């Protein structure tokens, strides 16, 4: 049972970290000029991928 709780704790920590990264990307999208948004496409692709999606990063 302890191993399952450990994995759940790690998964929740990763989820929180992903949410904070998503927040930072949204803020940058609002503040940066249009020309510099192309560099954020990779990060947006990482955030939108799901567990069973193909061509993950």
C-alpha atoms as a PDB file:
ATOM      1  CA  UNK A   1       0.000   0.000   0.000  1.00  0.00           C
ATOM      2  CA  UNK A   2       2.860   2.399   0.732  1.00  0.00           C
ATOM      3  CA  UNK A   3       4.165   2.224  -2.821  1.00  0.00           C
ATOM      4  CA  UNK A   4       0.827   3.239  -4.231  1.00  0.00           C
ATOM      5  CA  UNK A   5       0.702   6.275  -1.962  1.00  0.00           C
ATOM      6  CA  UNK A   6       4.217   7.206  -3.008  1.00  0.00           C
ATOM      7  CA  UNK A   7       3.274   7.082  -6.680  1.00  0.00           C
ATOM      8  CA  UNK A   8       0.119   9.085  -6.017  1.00  0.00           C
ATOM      9  CA  UNK A   9       2.185  11.743  -4.224  1.00  0.00           C
ATOM     10  CA  UNK A  10       4.613  11.949  -7.146  1.00  0.00           C
ATOM     11  CA  UNK A  11       1.769  12.137  -9.654  1.00  0.00           C
ATOM     12  CA  UNK A  12       0.082  14.956  -7.745  1.00  0.00           C
ATOM     13  CA  UNK A  13       3.365  16.853  -7.522  1.00  0.00           C
ATOM     14  CA  UNK A  14       3.866  16.498 -11.282  1.00  0.00           C
ATOM     15  CA  UNK A  15       0.313  17.693 -11.894  1.00  0.00           C
ATOM     16  CA  UNK A  16       0.879  20.802  -9.753  1.00  0.00           C
ATOM     17  CA  UNK A  17       4.130  21.531 -11.568  1.00  0.00           C
ATOM     18  CA  UNK A  18       2.391  21.203 -14.934  1.00  0.00           C
ATOM     19  CA  UNK A  19      -0.329  23.612 -13.859  1.00  0.00           C
ATOM     20  CA  UNK A  20       2.212  26.217 -12.790  1.00  0.00           C
ATOM     21  CA  UNK A  21       4.057  25.873 -16.105  1.00  0.00           C
ATOM     22  CA  UNK A  22       0.763  26.244 -17.972  1.00  0.00           C
ATOM     23  CA  UNK A  23       0.020  29.411 -16.013  1.00  0.00           C
ATOM     24  CA  UNK A  24       3.415  30.889 -16.907  1.00  0.00           C
ATOM     25  CA  UNK A  25       2.928  30.103 -20.597  1.00  0.00           C
ATOM     26  CA  UNK A  26      -0.498  31.755 -20.639  1.00  0.00           C
ATOM     27  CA  UNK A  27       0.981  34.844 -19.003  1.00  0.00           C
ATOM     28  CA  UNK A  28       3.800  34.969 -21.560  1.00  0.00           C
ATOM     29  CA  UNK A  29       1.301  34.618 -24.411  1.00  0.00           C
ATOM     30  CA  UNK A  30      -0.550  37.657 -23.153  1.00  0.00           C
ATOM     31  CA  UNK A  31       2.540  39.813 -22.645  1.00  0.00           C
ATOM     32  CA  UNK A  32       4.840  38.910 -25.545  1.00  0.00           C
ATOM     33  CA  UNK A  33       4.494  40.419 -29.007  1.00  0.00           C
ATOM     34  CA  UNK A  34       3.130  38.212 -31.791  1.00  0.00           C
ATOM     35  CA  UNK A  35       6.521  37.530 -33.391  1.00  0.00           C
ATOM     36  CA  UNK A  36       7.928  35.800 -30.345  1.00  0.00           C
ATOM     37  CA  UNK A  37       4.992  33.444 -29.745  1.00  0.00           C
ATOM     38  CA  UNK A  38       6.333  30.839 -32.181  1.00  0.00           C
ATOM     39  CA  UNK A  39       8.886  29.711 -29.616  1.00  0.00           C
ATOM     40  CA  UNK A  40       6.100  28.809 -27.179  1.00  0.00           C
ATOM     41  CA  UNK A  41       4.418  26.379 -29.586  1.00  0.00           C
ATOM     42  CA  UNK A  42       6.566  23.479 -28.352  1.00  0.00           C
ATOM     43  CA  UNK A  43       5.595  24.135 -24.741  1.00  0.00           C
ATOM     44  CA  UNK A  44       1.917  24.373 -25.639  1.00  0.00           C
ATOM     45  CA  UNK A  45       2.164  21.052 -27.477  1.00  0.00           C
ATOM     46  CA  UNK A  46       3.678  19.419 -24.391  1.00  0.00           C
ATOM     47  CA  UNK A  47       0.891  20.736 -22.188  1.00  0.00           C
ATOM     48  CA  UNK A  48      -1.907  19.614 -24.495  1.00  0.00           C
ATOM     49  CA  UNK A  49      -0.681  16.058 -25.019  1.00  0.00           C
ATOM     50  CA  UNK A  50      -2.491  13.262 -23.252  1.00  0.00           C
ATOM     51  CA  UNK A  51      -1.431   9.872 -21.998  1.00  0.00           C
ATOM     52  CA  UNK A  52      -2.640   7.980 -25.073  1.00  0.00           C
ATOM     53  CA  UNK A  53      -1.788  10.573 -27.732  1.00  0.00           C
ATOM     54  CA  UNK A  54       0.734   9.764 -30.436  1.00  0.00           C
ATOM     55  CA  UNK A  55       3.968  11.655 -31.218  1.00  0.00           C
ATOM     56  CA  UNK A  56       4.584  12.790 -27.654  1.00  0.00           C
ATOM     57  CA  UNK A  57       7.431  15.042 -26.715  1.00  0.00           C
END
